[in-house]
Amino acid sequence: MFAIVRTGGKQYRVAAGDKIAVEKLAGEAGDKITLGDVLLAGEGDSLADAAKVTVSAEIIAQAKSEKVIVFKKRRRHNYRRRNGHRQQMTLLRILSVA
């Protein structure tokens, strides 16, 4: 069975056993959480009622994503700024979609 869940402003297609990286969620490694905002659920070609489906997951780790370089430049003004950013993220293992 699969489900489409929304967390951190993004949507993810998940099934039992999947590993996904989402925006930072509160919790420690090993904690169990439930993803409440289920948009769609189904199995194969048939769809199920998304209101009755719960998605449970386990936090694998709290990590940082890849570095994004922010570079600003204004022509002919001798203005250059270089900055980097690493977004906080949470690695999840989907335990069950029921």
C-alpha atoms as a PDB file:
ATOM      1  CA  MET A   1       0.000   0.000   0.000  1.00  0.00           C
ATOM      2  CA  PHE A   2       1.206   3.522  -0.738  1.00  0.00           C
ATOM      3  CA  ALA A   3       0.246   6.983   0.476  1.00  0.00           C
ATOM      4  CA  ILE A   4       0.890  10.582  -0.495  1.00  0.00           C
ATOM      5  CA  VAL A   5       1.751  12.628   2.612  1.00  0.00           C
ATOM      6  CA  ARG A   6       2.434  16.329   3.026  1.00  0.00           C
ATOM      7  CA  THR A   7       5.096  17.545   5.455  1.00  0.00           C
ATOM      8  CA  GLY A   8       7.265  20.636   5.418  1.00  0.00           C
ATOM      9  CA  GLY A   9       5.315  22.108   2.499  1.00  0.00           C
ATOM     10  CA  LYS A  10       6.239  19.228   0.184  1.00  0.00           C
ATOM     11  CA  GLN A  11       4.470  16.037  -0.849  1.00  0.00           C
ATOM     12  CA  TYR A  12       6.020  12.566  -0.743  1.00  0.00           C
ATOM     13  CA  ARG A  13       4.858   9.195  -2.075  1.00  0.00           C
ATOM     14  CA  VAL A  14       5.668   6.627   0.609  1.00  0.00           C
ATOM     15  CA  ALA A  15       5.241   2.911   1.183  1.00  0.00           C
ATOM     16  CA  ALA A  16       6.321   0.639   4.032  1.00  0.00           C
ATOM     17  CA  GLY A  17      10.115   0.319   4.167  1.00  0.00           C
ATOM     18  CA  ASP A  18      10.877   3.550   2.267  1.00  0.00           C
ATOM     19  CA  LYS A  19      13.477   6.047   3.486  1.00  0.00           C
ATOM     20  CA  ILE A  20      12.845   9.741   2.868  1.00  0.00           C
ATOM     21  CA  ALA A  21      14.502  13.045   3.784  1.00  0.00           C
ATOM     22  CA  VAL A  22      12.063  15.768   4.902  1.00  0.00           C
ATOM     23  CA  GLU A  23      12.267  19.221   6.474  1.00  0.00           C
ATOM     24  CA  LYS A  24      13.375  19.147  10.107  1.00  0.00           C
ATOM     25  CA  LEU A  25      10.893  17.526  12.481  1.00  0.00           C
ATOM     26  CA  ALA A  26      11.062  17.569  16.276  1.00  0.00           C
ATOM     27  CA  GLY A  27      12.422  14.393  17.849  1.00  0.00           C
ATOM     28  CA  GLU A  28      15.500  12.311  18.479  1.00  0.00           C
ATOM     29  CA  ALA A  29      16.913   9.394  16.496  1.00  0.00           C
ATOM     30  CA  GLY A  30      14.838   6.292  17.197  1.00  0.00           C
ATOM     31  CA  ASP A  31      11.609   8.158  18.003  1.00  0.00           C
ATOM     32  CA  LYS A  32       8.385   6.980  16.367  1.00  0.00           C
ATOM     33  CA  ILE A  33       6.136   9.605  14.744  1.00  0.00           C
ATOM     34  CA  THR A  34       2.944   9.604  12.706  1.00  0.00           C
ATOM     35  CA  LEU A  35       2.594  11.671   9.549  1.00  0.00           C
ATOM     36  CA  GLY A  36      -0.920  13.018   9.854  1.00  0.00           C
ATOM     37  CA  ASP A  37      -1.560  14.910   6.621  1.00  0.00           C
ATOM     38  CA  VAL A  38      -2.378  12.024   4.242  1.00  0.00           C
ATOM     39  CA  LEU A  39      -3.629  13.316   0.890  1.00  0.00           C
ATOM     40  CA  LEU A  40      -4.132  10.069  -1.035  1.00  0.00           C
ATOM     41  CA  ALA A  41      -3.794   6.359  -0.380  1.00  0.00           C
ATOM     42  CA  GLY A  42      -4.157   3.238  -2.431  1.00  0.00           C
ATOM     43  CA  GLU A  43      -2.843  -0.107  -3.546  1.00  0.00           C
ATOM     44  CA  GLY A  44      -2.121  -0.821  -7.182  1.00  0.00           C
ATOM     45  CA  ASP A  45      -4.849   0.828  -9.250  1.00  0.00           C
ATOM     46  CA  SER A  46      -7.443   1.118  -6.463  1.00  0.00           C
ATOM     47  CA  LEU A  47      -7.654   4.117  -4.129  1.00  0.00           C
ATOM     48  CA  ALA A  48      -8.558   4.017  -0.450  1.00  0.00           C
ATOM     49  CA  ASP A  49     -10.124   6.612   1.839  1.00  0.00           C
ATOM     50  CA  ALA A  50      -7.211   8.842   2.892  1.00  0.00           C
ATOM     51  CA  ALA A  51      -8.984   9.947   6.087  1.00  0.00           C
ATOM     52  CA  LYS A  52      -8.729   6.427   7.528  1.00  0.00           C
ATOM     53  CA  VAL A  53      -5.070   5.863   6.628  1.00  0.00           C
ATOM     54  CA  THR A  54      -2.262   6.478   9.110  1.00  0.00           C
ATOM     55  CA  VAL A  55       1.410   6.584   8.210  1.00  0.00           C
ATOM     56  CA  SER A  56       3.898   5.753  10.973  1.00  0.00           C
ATOM     57  CA  ALA A  57       7.608   6.442  10.660  1.00  0.00           C
ATOM     58  CA  GLU A  58      10.814   6.217  12.674  1.00  0.00           C
ATOM     59  CA  ILE A  59      13.410   8.986  12.812  1.00  0.00           C
ATOM     60  CA  ILE A  60      16.730   7.625  11.587  1.00  0.00           C
ATOM     61  CA  ALA A  61      18.798  10.795  12.066  1.00  0.00           C
ATOM     62  CA  GLN A  62      18.772  14.577  12.165  1.00  0.00           C
ATOM     63  CA  ALA A  63      21.142  15.832   9.475  1.00  0.00           C
ATOM     64  CA  LYS A  64      21.987  18.704   7.152  1.00  0.00           C
ATOM     65  CA  SER A  65      21.380  18.692   3.411  1.00  0.00           C
ATOM     66  CA  GLU A  66      23.879  19.597   0.707  1.00  0.00           C
ATOM     67  CA  LYS A  67      25.405  23.065   0.791  1.00  0.00           C
ATOM     68  CA  VAL A  68      23.840  25.712  -1.422  1.00  0.00           C
ATOM     69  CA  ILE A  69      26.130  28.590  -2.446  1.00  0.00           C
ATOM     70  CA  VAL A  70      24.519  32.044  -2.520  1.00  0.00           C
ATOM     71  CA  PHE A  71      26.570  34.432  -4.666  1.00  0.00           C
ATOM     72  CA  LYS A  72      25.607  38.070  -5.162  1.00  0.00           C
ATOM     73  CA  LYS A  73      27.339  40.393  -7.591  1.00  0.00           C
ATOM     74  CA  ARG A  74      26.673  43.851  -8.937  1.00  0.00           C
ATOM     75  CA  ARG A  75      28.418  44.722 -12.149  1.00  0.00           C
ATOM     76  CA  ARG A  76      30.961  47.538 -12.143  1.00  0.00           C
ATOM     77  CA  HIS A  77      30.521  48.285  -8.432  1.00  0.00           C
ATOM     78  CA  ASN A  78      33.198  45.975  -6.973  1.00  0.00           C
ATOM     79  CA  TYR A  79      30.435  44.232  -4.983  1.00  0.00           C
ATOM     80  CA  ARG A  80      30.649  40.479  -4.420  1.00  0.00           C
ATOM     81  CA  ARG A  81      29.200  38.444  -1.577  1.00  0.00           C
ATOM     82  CA  ARG A  82      29.560  34.698  -1.177  1.00  0.00           C
ATOM     83  CA  ASN A  83      27.483  32.847   1.370  1.00  0.00           C
ATOM     84  CA  GLY A  84      26.609  29.206   2.000  1.00  0.00           C
ATOM     85  CA  HIS A  85      23.567  27.545   3.523  1.00  0.00           C
ATOM     86  CA  ARG A  86      22.834  23.993   4.698  1.00  0.00           C
ATOM     87  CA  GLN A  87      19.198  23.232   5.439  1.00  0.00           C
ATOM     88  CA  GLN A  88      18.319  21.117   8.470  1.00  0.00           C
ATOM     89  CA  MET A  89      16.534  17.870   7.556  1.00  0.00           C
ATOM     90  CA  THR A  90      15.234  14.686   9.136  1.00  0.00           C
ATOM     91  CA  LEU A  91      15.780  11.202   7.714  1.00  0.00           C
ATOM     92  CA  LEU A  92      12.712   8.973   8.128  1.00  0.00           C
ATOM     93  CA  ARG A  93      12.059   5.261   7.667  1.00  0.00           C
ATOM     94  CA  ILE A  94       8.408   4.508   6.919  1.00  0.00           C
ATOM     95  CA  LEU A  95       7.270   1.664   9.169  1.00  0.00           C
ATOM     96  CA  SER A  96       3.695   1.145   8.031  1.00  0.00           C
ATOM     97  CA  VAL A  97       0.917   2.551   5.892  1.00  0.00           C
ATOM     98  CA  ALA A  98      -2.367   1.279   7.316  1.00  0.00           C
END
